[in-house]
Amino acid sequence: MSEIYEKWLREYGRVFNDPRSLRTRPCPSCGRPGLRLLFNVHRTDRSVGWAEFWCDNCRKGIFFSRVSVPDWGESVTTEEKRALSSGEAPEYETIPPTTYSD
């Protein structure tokens, strides 16, 4: 697993355990605060989905599936995401779990 991806996963764990810190935690890529987290859920089961975790500053981030969606989590269905531009994740560079050198 790439080192930067592991940093993003650790940061996700910190934010998941302390959601109030989301906007103030430093980005694993650029070091500036401004992280965002959005859970994409199915319209009939909002308890499980996939997470999009990115930085508003450098526009880098990760996504992964089959995560529990916490009560505090901002979530959106695919249908809602298409209809609402304010709640959707912007374009960001996805950091892969592995690199060619791994």
PDB file of N, CA and C in Angstrom:
ATOM      1  N   MET A   1       0.855  -1.173   0.000  1.00  0.00           N
ATOM      2  CA  MET A   1       0.000   0.000   0.000  1.00  0.00           C
ATOM      3  C   MET A   1       0.899   1.233   0.000  1.00  0.00           C
ATOM      4  N   SER A   2       0.529   2.233  -0.772  1.00  0.00           N
ATOM      5  CA  SER A   2       1.358   3.431  -0.857  1.00  0.00           C
ATOM      6  C   SER A   2       1.328   4.205   0.467  1.00  0.00           C
ATOM      7  N   GLU A   3       2.422   4.884   0.737  1.00  0.00           N
ATOM      8  CA  GLU A   3       2.555   5.639   1.986  1.00  0.00           C
ATOM      9  C   GLU A   3       1.521   6.758   2.082  1.00  0.00           C
ATOM     10  N   ILE A   4       1.292   7.471   0.994  1.00  0.00           N
ATOM     11  CA  ILE A   4       0.330   8.572   1.035  1.00  0.00           C
ATOM     12  C   ILE A   4      -1.096   8.057   1.222  1.00  0.00           C
ATOM     13  N   TYR A   5      -1.422   6.935   0.629  1.00  0.00           N
ATOM     14  CA  TYR A   5      -2.745   6.347   0.825  1.00  0.00           C
ATOM     15  C   TYR A   5      -2.925   5.945   2.288  1.00  0.00           C
ATOM     16  N   GLU A   6      -1.883   5.369   2.880  1.00  0.00           N
ATOM     17  CA  GLU A   6      -1.949   5.001   4.296  1.00  0.00           C
ATOM     18  C   GLU A   6      -2.151   6.232   5.171  1.00  0.00           C
ATOM     19  N   LYS A   7      -1.520   7.343   4.823  1.00  0.00           N
ATOM     20  CA  LYS A   7      -1.717   8.593   5.576  1.00  0.00           C
ATOM     21  C   LYS A   7      -3.171   9.042   5.491  1.00  0.00           C
ATOM     22  N   TRP A   8      -3.742   8.940   4.295  1.00  0.00           N
ATOM     23  CA  TRP A   8      -5.145   9.313   4.130  1.00  0.00           C
ATOM     24  C   TRP A   8      -6.060   8.401   4.948  1.00  0.00           C
ATOM     25  N   LEU A   9      -5.770   7.108   4.976  1.00  0.00           N
ATOM     26  CA  LEU A   9      -6.583   6.181   5.770  1.00  0.00           C
ATOM     27  C   LEU A   9      -6.491   6.494   7.259  1.00  0.00           C
ATOM     28  N   ARG A  10      -5.282   6.794   7.724  1.00  0.00           N
ATOM     29  CA  ARG A  10      -5.130   7.159   9.148  1.00  0.00           C
ATOM     30  C   ARG A  10      -5.920   8.422   9.467  1.00  0.00           C
ATOM     31  N   GLU A  11      -5.870   9.394   8.559  1.00  0.00           N
ATOM     32  CA  GLU A  11      -6.606  10.639   8.778  1.00  0.00           C
ATOM     33  C   GLU A  11      -8.112  10.386   8.770  1.00  0.00           C
ATOM     34  N   TYR A  12      -8.567   9.513   7.889  1.00  0.00           N
ATOM     35  CA  TYR A  12      -9.979   9.138   7.871  1.00  0.00           C
ATOM     36  C   TYR A  12     -10.378   8.560   9.228  1.00  0.00           C
ATOM     37  N   GLY A  13      -9.548   7.698   9.798  1.00  0.00           N
ATOM     38  CA  GLY A  13      -9.833   7.112  11.111  1.00  0.00           C
ATOM     39  C   GLY A  13      -9.925   8.177  12.189  1.00  0.00           C
ATOM     40  N   ARG A  14      -9.032   9.155  12.133  1.00  0.00           N
ATOM     41  CA  ARG A  14      -9.071  10.244  13.127  1.00  0.00           C
ATOM     42  C   ARG A  14     -10.367  11.036  13.007  1.00  0.00           C
ATOM     43  N   VAL A  15     -10.733  11.381  11.786  1.00  0.00           N
ATOM     44  CA  VAL A  15     -11.952  12.148  11.554  1.00  0.00           C
ATOM     45  C   VAL A  15     -13.183  11.331  11.920  1.00  0.00           C
ATOM     46  N   PHE A  16     -13.171  10.062  11.577  1.00  0.00           N
ATOM     47  CA  PHE A  16     -14.309   9.203  11.898  1.00  0.00           C
ATOM     48  C   PHE A  16     -14.526   9.150  13.415  1.00  0.00           C
ATOM     49  N   ASN A  17     -13.435   9.104  14.190  1.00  0.00           N
ATOM     50  CA  ASN A  17     -13.532   9.055  15.653  1.00  0.00           C
ATOM     51  C   ASN A  17     -13.782  10.418  16.284  1.00  0.00           C
ATOM     52  N   ASP A  18     -13.480  11.492  15.576  1.00  0.00           N
ATOM     53  CA  ASP A  18     -13.706  12.848  16.074  1.00  0.00           C
ATOM     54  C   ASP A  18     -14.232  13.714  14.935  1.00  0.00           C
ATOM     55  N   PRO A  19     -15.498  13.561  14.579  1.00  0.00           N
ATOM     56  CA  PRO A  19     -16.045  14.255  13.410  1.00  0.00           C
ATOM     57  C   PRO A  19     -15.982  15.778  13.490  1.00  0.00           C
ATOM     58  N   ARG A  20     -15.943  16.322  14.700  1.00  0.00           N
ATOM     59  CA  ARG A  20     -15.860  17.779  14.830  1.00  0.00           C
ATOM     60  C   ARG A  20     -14.540  18.323  14.286  1.00  0.00           C
ATOM     61  N   SER A  21     -13.531  17.456  14.169  1.00  0.00           N
ATOM     62  CA  SER A  21     -12.222  17.897  13.700  1.00  0.00           C
ATOM     63  C   SER A  21     -12.094  17.913  12.175  1.00  0.00           C
ATOM     64  N   LEU A  22     -13.122  17.479  11.480  1.00  0.00           N
ATOM     65  CA  LEU A  22     -13.053  17.304  10.030  1.00  0.00           C
ATOM     66  C   LEU A  22     -12.472  18.516   9.304  1.00  0.00           C
ATOM     67  N   ARG A  23     -13.027  19.687   9.503  1.00  0.00           N
ATOM     68  CA  ARG A  23     -12.608  20.868   8.738  1.00  0.00           C
ATOM     69  C   ARG A  23     -11.306  21.487   9.246  1.00  0.00           C
ATOM     70  N   THR A  24     -10.826  21.051  10.411  1.00  0.00           N
ATOM     71  CA  THR A  24      -9.606  21.650  10.961  1.00  0.00           C
ATOM     72  C   THR A  24      -8.388  20.732  10.882  1.00  0.00           C
ATOM     73  N   ARG A  25      -8.585  19.459  10.592  1.00  0.00           N
ATOM     74  CA  ARG A  25      -7.459  18.513  10.481  1.00  0.00           C
ATOM     75  C   ARG A  25      -6.634  18.833   9.239  1.00  0.00           C
ATOM     76  N   PRO A  26      -5.310  18.626   9.316  1.00  0.00           N
ATOM     77  CA  PRO A  26      -4.471  18.894   8.146  1.00  0.00           C
ATOM     78  C   PRO A  26      -4.629  17.812   7.076  1.00  0.00           C
ATOM     79  N   CYS A  27      -4.602  18.248   5.852  1.00  0.00           N
ATOM     80  CA  CYS A  27      -4.662  17.328   4.715  1.00  0.00           C
ATOM     81  C   CYS A  27      -3.384  16.491   4.673  1.00  0.00           C
ATOM     82  N   PRO A  28      -3.501  15.187   4.473  1.00  0.00           N
ATOM     83  CA  PRO A  28      -2.318  14.340   4.379  1.00  0.00           C
ATOM     84  C   PRO A  28      -1.435  14.661   3.167  1.00  0.00           C
ATOM     85  N   SER A  29      -1.986  15.330   2.172  1.00  0.00           N
ATOM     86  CA  SER A  29      -1.202  15.653   0.972  1.00  0.00           C
ATOM     87  C   SER A  29      -0.565  17.040   1.027  1.00  0.00           C
ATOM     88  N   CYS A  30      -1.363  18.065   1.378  1.00  0.00           N
ATOM     89  CA  CYS A  30      -0.826  19.436   1.345  1.00  0.00           C
ATOM     90  C   CYS A  30      -0.606  20.054   2.722  1.00  0.00           C
ATOM     91  N   GLY A  31      -1.168  19.447   3.763  1.00  0.00           N
ATOM     92  CA  GLY A  31      -0.964  19.942   5.120  1.00  0.00           C
ATOM     93  C   GLY A  31      -1.906  21.050   5.558  1.00  0.00           C
ATOM     94  N   ARG A  32      -2.742  21.535   4.657  1.00  0.00           N
ATOM     95  CA  ARG A  32      -3.665  22.613   5.014  1.00  0.00           C
ATOM     96  C   ARG A  32      -4.990  22.042   5.509  1.00  0.00           C
ATOM     97  N   PRO A  33      -5.685  22.758   6.389  1.00  0.00           N
ATOM     98  CA  PRO A  33      -7.014  22.292   6.819  1.00  0.00           C
ATOM     99  C   PRO A  33      -8.022  22.467   5.682  1.00  0.00           C
ATOM    100  N   GLY A  34      -9.087  21.705   5.729  1.00  0.00           N
ATOM    101  CA  GLY A  34     -10.117  21.829   4.704  1.00  0.00           C
ATOM    102  C   GLY A  34     -10.559  20.482   4.156  1.00  0.00           C
ATOM    103  N   LEU A  35     -10.510  19.464   5.005  1.00  0.00           N
ATOM    104  CA  LEU A  35     -10.930  18.134   4.566  1.00  0.00           C
ATOM    105  C   LEU A  35     -12.448  18.054   4.492  1.00  0.00           C
ATOM    106  N   ARG A  36     -12.935  17.231   3.590  1.00  0.00           N
ATOM    107  CA  ARG A  36     -14.369  17.004   3.431  1.00  0.00           C
ATOM    108  C   ARG A  36     -14.614  15.509   3.360  1.00  0.00           C
ATOM    109  N   LEU A  37     -15.788  15.096   3.795  1.00  0.00           N
ATOM    110  CA  LEU A  37     -16.160  13.682   3.801  1.00  0.00           C
ATOM    111  C   LEU A  37     -17.621  13.566   3.405  1.00  0.00           C
ATOM    112  N   LEU A  38     -17.878  12.754   2.402  1.00  0.00           N
ATOM    113  CA  LEU A  38     -19.236  12.550   1.925  1.00  0.00           C
ATOM    114  C   LEU A  38     -19.467  11.058   1.755  1.00  0.00           C
ATOM    115  N   PHE A  39     -20.579  10.582   2.273  1.00  0.00           N
ATOM    116  CA  PHE A  39     -20.943   9.176   2.141  1.00  0.00           C
ATOM    117  C   PHE A  39     -22.007   9.035   1.061  1.00  0.00           C
ATOM    118  N   ASN A  40     -21.740   8.199   0.088  1.00  0.00           N
ATOM    119  CA  ASN A  40     -22.692   7.892  -0.971  1.00  0.00           C
ATOM    120  C   ASN A  40     -23.445   6.637  -0.557  1.00  0.00           C
ATOM    121  N   VAL A  41     -24.765   6.723  -0.493  1.00  0.00           N
ATOM    122  CA  VAL A  41     -25.582   5.631   0.030  1.00  0.00           C
ATOM    123  C   VAL A  41     -26.655   5.223  -0.965  1.00  0.00           C
ATOM    124  N   HIS A  42     -27.184   4.041  -0.753  1.00  0.00           N
ATOM    125  CA  HIS A  42     -28.315   3.559  -1.550  1.00  0.00           C
ATOM    126  C   HIS A  42     -29.579   4.158  -0.949  1.00  0.00           C
ATOM    127  N   ARG A  43     -30.541   4.446  -1.771  1.00  0.00           N
ATOM    128  CA  ARG A  43     -31.748   5.114  -1.264  1.00  0.00           C
ATOM    129  C   ARG A  43     -32.537   4.268  -0.282  1.00  0.00           C
ATOM    130  N   THR A  44     -32.411   2.939  -0.338  1.00  0.00           N
ATOM    131  CA  THR A  44     -33.171   2.101   0.593  1.00  0.00           C
ATOM    132  C   THR A  44     -32.369   1.693   1.825  1.00  0.00           C
ATOM    133  N   ASP A  45     -31.051   1.827   1.789  1.00  0.00           N
ATOM    134  CA  ASP A  45     -30.224   1.485   2.954  1.00  0.00           C
ATOM    135  C   ASP A  45     -29.147   2.539   3.113  1.00  0.00           C
ATOM    136  N   ARG A  46     -29.405   3.479   4.001  1.00  0.00           N
ATOM    137  CA  ARG A  46     -28.483   4.589   4.203  1.00  0.00           C
ATOM    138  C   ARG A  46     -27.436   4.296   5.275  1.00  0.00           C
ATOM    139  N   SER A  47     -27.377   3.062   5.758  1.00  0.00           N
ATOM    140  CA  SER A  47     -26.433   2.740   6.828  1.00  0.00           C
ATOM    141  C   SER A  47     -25.071   2.292   6.305  1.00  0.00           C
ATOM    142  N   VAL A  48     -25.004   1.914   5.032  1.00  0.00           N
ATOM    143  CA  VAL A  48     -23.758   1.453   4.423  1.00  0.00           C
ATOM    144  C   VAL A  48     -23.610   2.143   3.076  1.00  0.00           C
ATOM    145  N   GLY A  49     -22.383   2.478   2.738  1.00  0.00           N
ATOM    146  CA  GLY A  49     -22.157   3.118   1.451  1.00  0.00           C
ATOM    147  C   GLY A  49     -20.681   3.177   1.132  1.00  0.00           C
ATOM    148  N   TRP A  50     -20.308   4.154   0.324  1.00  0.00           N
ATOM    149  CA  TRP A  50     -18.890   4.359   0.075  1.00  0.00           C
ATOM    150  C   TRP A  50     -18.553   5.785   0.460  1.00  0.00           C
ATOM    151  N   ALA A  51     -17.305   5.969   0.884  1.00  0.00           N
ATOM    152  CA  ALA A  51     -16.851   7.250   1.389  1.00  0.00           C
ATOM    153  C   ALA A  51     -15.991   7.962   0.359  1.00  0.00           C
ATOM    154  N   GLU A  52     -16.233   9.251   0.215  1.00  0.00           N
ATOM    155  CA  GLU A  52     -15.366  10.122  -0.562  1.00  0.00           C
ATOM    156  C   GLU A  52     -14.747  11.087   0.445  1.00  0.00           C
ATOM    157  N   PHE A  53     -13.426  11.112   0.505  1.00  0.00           N
ATOM    158  CA  PHE A  53     -12.688  11.893   1.497  1.00  0.00           C
ATOM    159  C   PHE A  53     -11.639  12.698   0.738  1.00  0.00           C
ATOM    160  N   TRP A  54     -11.773  14.016   0.741  1.00  0.00           N
ATOM    161  CA  TRP A  54     -10.899  14.851  -0.076  1.00  0.00           C
ATOM    162  C   TRP A  54     -10.565  16.159   0.610  1.00  0.00           C
ATOM    163  N   CYS A  55      -9.620  16.874   0.018  1.00  0.00           N
ATOM    164  CA  CYS A  55      -9.184  18.178   0.508  1.00  0.00           C
ATOM    165  C   CYS A  55      -9.700  19.253  -0.438  1.00  0.00           C
ATOM    166  N   ASP A  56     -10.340  20.271   0.118  1.00  0.00           N
ATOM    167  CA  ASP A  56     -10.846  21.377  -0.697  1.00  0.00           C
ATOM    168  C   ASP A  56      -9.725  22.242  -1.263  1.00  0.00           C
ATOM    169  N   ASN A  57      -8.534  22.169  -0.675  1.00  0.00           N
ATOM    170  CA  ASN A  57      -7.427  23.016  -1.128  1.00  0.00           C
ATOM    171  C   ASN A  57      -6.658  22.413  -2.296  1.00  0.00           C
ATOM    172  N   CYS A  58      -6.101  21.228  -2.105  1.00  0.00           N
ATOM    173  CA  CYS A  58      -5.272  20.627  -3.156  1.00  0.00           C
ATOM    174  C   CYS A  58      -6.061  19.715  -4.087  1.00  0.00           C
ATOM    175  N   ARG A  59      -7.312  19.442  -3.744  1.00  0.00           N
ATOM    176  CA  ARG A  59      -8.191  18.594  -4.564  1.00  0.00           C
ATOM    177  C   ARG A  59      -7.622  17.196  -4.780  1.00  0.00           C
ATOM    178  N   LYS A  60      -7.088  16.632  -3.701  1.00  0.00           N
ATOM    179  CA  LYS A  60      -6.655  15.237  -3.705  1.00  0.00           C
ATOM    180  C   LYS A  60      -7.477  14.512  -2.661  1.00  0.00           C
ATOM    181  N   GLY A  61      -7.622  13.195  -2.819  1.00  0.00           N
ATOM    182  CA  GLY A  61      -8.387  12.446  -1.849  1.00  0.00           C
ATOM    183  C   GLY A  61      -8.486  10.980  -2.200  1.00  0.00           C
ATOM    184  N   ILE A  62      -9.279  10.282  -1.405  1.00  0.00           N
ATOM    185  CA  ILE A  62      -9.476   8.844  -1.587  1.00  0.00           C
ATOM    186  C   ILE A  62     -10.962   8.533  -1.555  1.00  0.00           C
ATOM    187  N   PHE A  63     -11.308   7.373  -2.056  1.00  0.00           N
ATOM    188  CA  PHE A  63     -12.663   6.856  -1.873  1.00  0.00           C
ATOM    189  C   PHE A  63     -12.558   5.355  -1.701  1.00  0.00           C
ATOM    190  N   PHE A  64     -13.492   4.808  -0.960  1.00  0.00           N
ATOM    191  CA  PHE A  64     -13.528   3.368  -0.738  1.00  0.00           C
ATOM    192  C   PHE A  64     -14.944   2.973  -0.392  1.00  0.00           C
ATOM    193  N   SER A  65     -15.238   1.698  -0.596  1.00  0.00           N
ATOM    194  CA  SER A  65     -16.612   1.237  -0.456  1.00  0.00           C
ATOM    195  C   SER A  65     -16.805   0.365   0.775  1.00  0.00           C
ATOM    196  N   ARG A  66     -18.090   0.041   0.987  1.00  0.00           N
ATOM    197  CA  ARG A  66     -18.522  -0.824   2.083  1.00  0.00           C
ATOM    198  C   ARG A  66     -18.104  -0.287   3.448  1.00  0.00           C
ATOM    199  N   VAL A  67     -18.479   0.950   3.735  1.00  0.00           N
ATOM    200  CA  VAL A  67     -18.218   1.540   5.038  1.00  0.00           C
ATOM    201  C   VAL A  67     -19.544   1.792   5.744  1.00  0.00           C
ATOM    202  N   SER A  68     -19.507   1.726   7.051  1.00  0.00           N
ATOM    203  CA  SER A  68     -20.674   2.104   7.848  1.00  0.00           C
ATOM    204  C   SER A  68     -20.800   3.619   7.822  1.00  0.00           C
ATOM    205  N   VAL A  69     -21.999   4.084   7.629  1.00  0.00           N
ATOM    206  CA  VAL A  69     -22.249   5.520   7.599  1.00  0.00           C
ATOM    207  C   VAL A  69     -22.697   5.951   8.993  1.00  0.00           C
ATOM    208  N   PRO A  70     -21.910   6.802   9.642  1.00  0.00           N
ATOM    209  CA  PRO A  70     -22.278   7.235  10.991  1.00  0.00           C
ATOM    210  C   PRO A  70     -23.472   8.193  10.959  1.00  0.00           C
ATOM    211  N   ASP A  71     -24.140   8.327  12.090  1.00  0.00           N
ATOM    212  CA  ASP A  71     -25.287   9.237  12.185  1.00  0.00           C
ATOM    213  C   ASP A  71     -24.910  10.671  11.836  1.00  0.00           C
ATOM    214  N   TRP A  72     -23.694  11.069  12.174  1.00  0.00           N
ATOM    215  CA  TRP A  72     -23.256  12.439  11.933  1.00  0.00           C
ATOM    216  C   TRP A  72     -22.806  12.671  10.490  1.00  0.00           C
ATOM    217  N   GLY A  73     -22.660  11.604   9.708  1.00  0.00           N
ATOM    218  CA  GLY A  73     -22.091  11.727   8.371  1.00  0.00           C
ATOM    219  C   GLY A  73     -23.011  12.393   7.365  1.00  0.00           C
ATOM    220  N   GLU A  74     -22.435  13.246   6.558  1.00  0.00           N
ATOM    221  CA  GLU A  74     -23.176  13.837   5.441  1.00  0.00           C
ATOM    222  C   GLU A  74     -23.304  12.753   4.379  1.00  0.00           C
ATOM    223  N   SER A  75     -24.529  12.465   3.977  1.00  0.00           N
ATOM    224  CA  SER A  75     -24.729  11.405   2.997  1.00  0.00           C
ATOM    225  C   SER A  75     -25.629  11.882   1.874  1.00  0.00           C
ATOM    226  N   VAL A  76     -25.492  11.214   0.749  1.00  0.00           N
ATOM    227  CA  VAL A  76     -26.270  11.565  -0.434  1.00  0.00           C
ATOM    228  C   VAL A  76     -26.452  10.296  -1.266  1.00  0.00           C
ATOM    229  N   THR A  77     -27.627  10.143  -1.842  1.00  0.00           N
ATOM    230  CA  THR A  77     -27.852   9.027  -2.761  1.00  0.00           C
ATOM    231  C   THR A  77     -27.375   9.448  -4.152  1.00  0.00           C
ATOM    232  N   THR A  78     -27.244   8.500  -5.030  1.00  0.00           N
ATOM    233  CA  THR A  78     -26.837   8.807  -6.404  1.00  0.00           C
ATOM    234  C   THR A  78     -27.827   9.764  -7.040  1.00  0.00           C
ATOM    235  N   GLU A  79     -29.115   9.511  -6.807  1.00  0.00           N
ATOM    236  CA  GLU A  79     -30.155  10.366  -7.367  1.00  0.00           C
ATOM    237  C   GLU A  79     -30.061  11.792  -6.807  1.00  0.00           C
ATOM    238  N   GLU A  80     -29.858  11.901  -5.505  1.00  0.00           N
ATOM    239  CA  GLU A  80     -29.721  13.221  -4.889  1.00  0.00           C
ATOM    240  C   GLU A  80     -28.470  13.935  -5.398  1.00  0.00           C
ATOM    241  N   LYS A  81     -27.401  13.184  -5.567  1.00  0.00           N
ATOM    242  CA  LYS A  81     -26.149  13.770  -6.025  1.00  0.00           C
ATOM    243  C   LYS A  81     -26.294  14.363  -7.417  1.00  0.00           C
ATOM    244  N   ARG A  82     -27.037  13.691  -8.259  1.00  0.00           N
ATOM    245  CA  ARG A  82     -27.277  14.218  -9.610  1.00  0.00           C
ATOM    246  C   ARG A  82     -28.101  15.502  -9.573  1.00  0.00           C
ATOM    247  N   ALA A  83     -29.060  15.571  -8.642  1.00  0.00           N
ATOM    248  CA  ALA A  83     -29.972  16.712  -8.573  1.00  0.00           C
ATOM    249  C   ALA A  83     -29.383  17.919  -7.847  1.00  0.00           C
ATOM    250  N   LEU A  84     -28.484  17.676  -6.899  1.00  0.00           N
ATOM    251  CA  LEU A  84     -27.934  18.757  -6.082  1.00  0.00           C
ATOM    252  C   LEU A  84     -26.454  18.955  -6.381  1.00  0.00           C
ATOM    253  N   SER A  85     -26.093  20.129  -6.774  1.00  0.00           N
ATOM    254  CA  SER A  85     -24.674  20.386  -7.021  1.00  0.00           C
ATOM    255  C   SER A  85     -23.959  20.778  -5.732  1.00  0.00           C
ATOM    256  N   SER A  86     -24.665  21.331  -4.740  1.00  0.00           N
ATOM    257  CA  SER A  86     -24.012  21.804  -3.516  1.00  0.00           C
ATOM    258  C   SER A  86     -23.529  20.662  -2.629  1.00  0.00           C
ATOM    259  N   GLY A  87     -24.154  19.511  -2.684  1.00  0.00           N
ATOM    260  CA  GLY A  87     -23.777  18.420  -1.806  1.00  0.00           C
ATOM    261  C   GLY A  87     -22.800  17.435  -2.395  1.00  0.00           C
ATOM    262  N   GLU A  88     -22.449  17.603  -3.647  1.00  0.00           N
ATOM    263  CA  GLU A  88     -21.597  16.604  -4.262  1.00  0.00           C
ATOM    264  C   GLU A  88     -20.125  16.948  -4.133  1.00  0.00           C
ATOM    265  N   ALA A  89     -19.319  15.923  -4.185  1.00  0.00           N
ATOM    266  CA  ALA A  89     -17.879  16.111  -4.134  1.00  0.00           C
ATOM    267  C   ALA A  89     -17.413  16.737  -5.439  1.00  0.00           C
ATOM    268  N   PRO A  90     -16.463  17.662  -5.359  1.00  0.00           N
ATOM    269  CA  PRO A  90     -15.924  18.244  -6.590  1.00  0.00           C
ATOM    270  C   PRO A  90     -14.985  17.250  -7.269  1.00  0.00           C
ATOM    271  N   GLU A  91     -14.535  17.594  -8.434  1.00  0.00           N
ATOM    272  CA  GLU A  91     -13.519  16.782  -9.081  1.00  0.00           C
ATOM    273  C   GLU A  91     -12.265  16.839  -8.211  1.00  0.00           C
ATOM    274  N   TYR A  92     -11.692  15.692  -7.926  1.00  0.00           N
ATOM    275  CA  TYR A  92     -10.442  15.661  -7.179  1.00  0.00           C
ATOM    276  C   TYR A  92      -9.603  14.492  -7.674  1.00  0.00           C
ATOM    277  N   GLU A  93      -8.298  14.615  -7.493  1.00  0.00           N
ATOM    278  CA  GLU A  93      -7.371  13.561  -7.910  1.00  0.00           C
ATOM    279  C   GLU A  93      -7.442  12.424  -6.906  1.00  0.00           C
ATOM    280  N   THR A  94      -7.790  11.249  -7.380  1.00  0.00           N
ATOM    281  CA  THR A  94      -7.913  10.087  -6.500  1.00  0.00           C
ATOM    282  C   THR A  94      -6.542   9.470  -6.276  1.00  0.00           C
ATOM    283  N   ILE A  95      -6.186   9.325  -5.026  1.00  0.00           N
ATOM    284  CA  ILE A  95      -4.918   8.691  -4.666  1.00  0.00           C
ATOM    285  C   ILE A  95      -5.147   7.190  -4.630  1.00  0.00           C
ATOM    286  N   PRO A  96      -4.415   6.434  -5.434  1.00  0.00           N
ATOM    287  CA  PRO A  96      -4.615   4.985  -5.487  1.00  0.00           C
ATOM    288  C   PRO A  96      -3.992   4.291  -4.271  1.00  0.00           C
ATOM    289  N   PRO A  97      -4.528   3.137  -3.892  1.00  0.00           N
ATOM    290  CA  PRO A  97      -3.979   2.410  -2.742  1.00  0.00           C
ATOM    291  C   PRO A  97      -2.557   1.910  -2.969  1.00  0.00           C
ATOM    292  N   THR A  98      -2.210   1.647  -4.202  1.00  0.00           N
ATOM    293  CA  THR A  98      -0.860   1.183  -4.497  1.00  0.00           C
ATOM    294  C   THR A  98      -0.269   1.987  -5.642  1.00  0.00           C
ATOM    295  N   THR A  99       1.036   1.970  -5.724  1.00  0.00           N
ATOM    296  CA  THR A  99       1.734   2.601  -6.824  1.00  0.00           C
ATOM    297  C   THR A  99       2.526   1.521  -7.549  1.00  0.00           C
ATOM    298  N   TYR A 100       3.068   1.861  -8.691  1.00  0.00           N
ATOM    299  CA  TYR A 100       3.829   0.884  -9.460  1.00  0.00           C
ATOM    300  C   TYR A 100       5.070   0.409  -8.706  1.00  0.00           C
ATOM    301  N   SER A 101       5.561   1.219  -7.764  1.00  0.00           N
ATOM    302  CA  SER A 101       6.758   0.823  -7.021  1.00  0.00           C
ATOM    303  C   SER A 101       6.441  -0.048  -5.817  1.00  0.00           C
ATOM    304  N   ASP A 102       5.152  -0.221  -5.469  1.00  0.00           N
ATOM    305  CA  ASP A 102       4.776  -1.049  -4.297  1.00  0.00           C
ATOM    306  C   ASP A 102       4.991  -2.519  -4.572  1.00  0.00           C
TER     307      ASP A 102
END
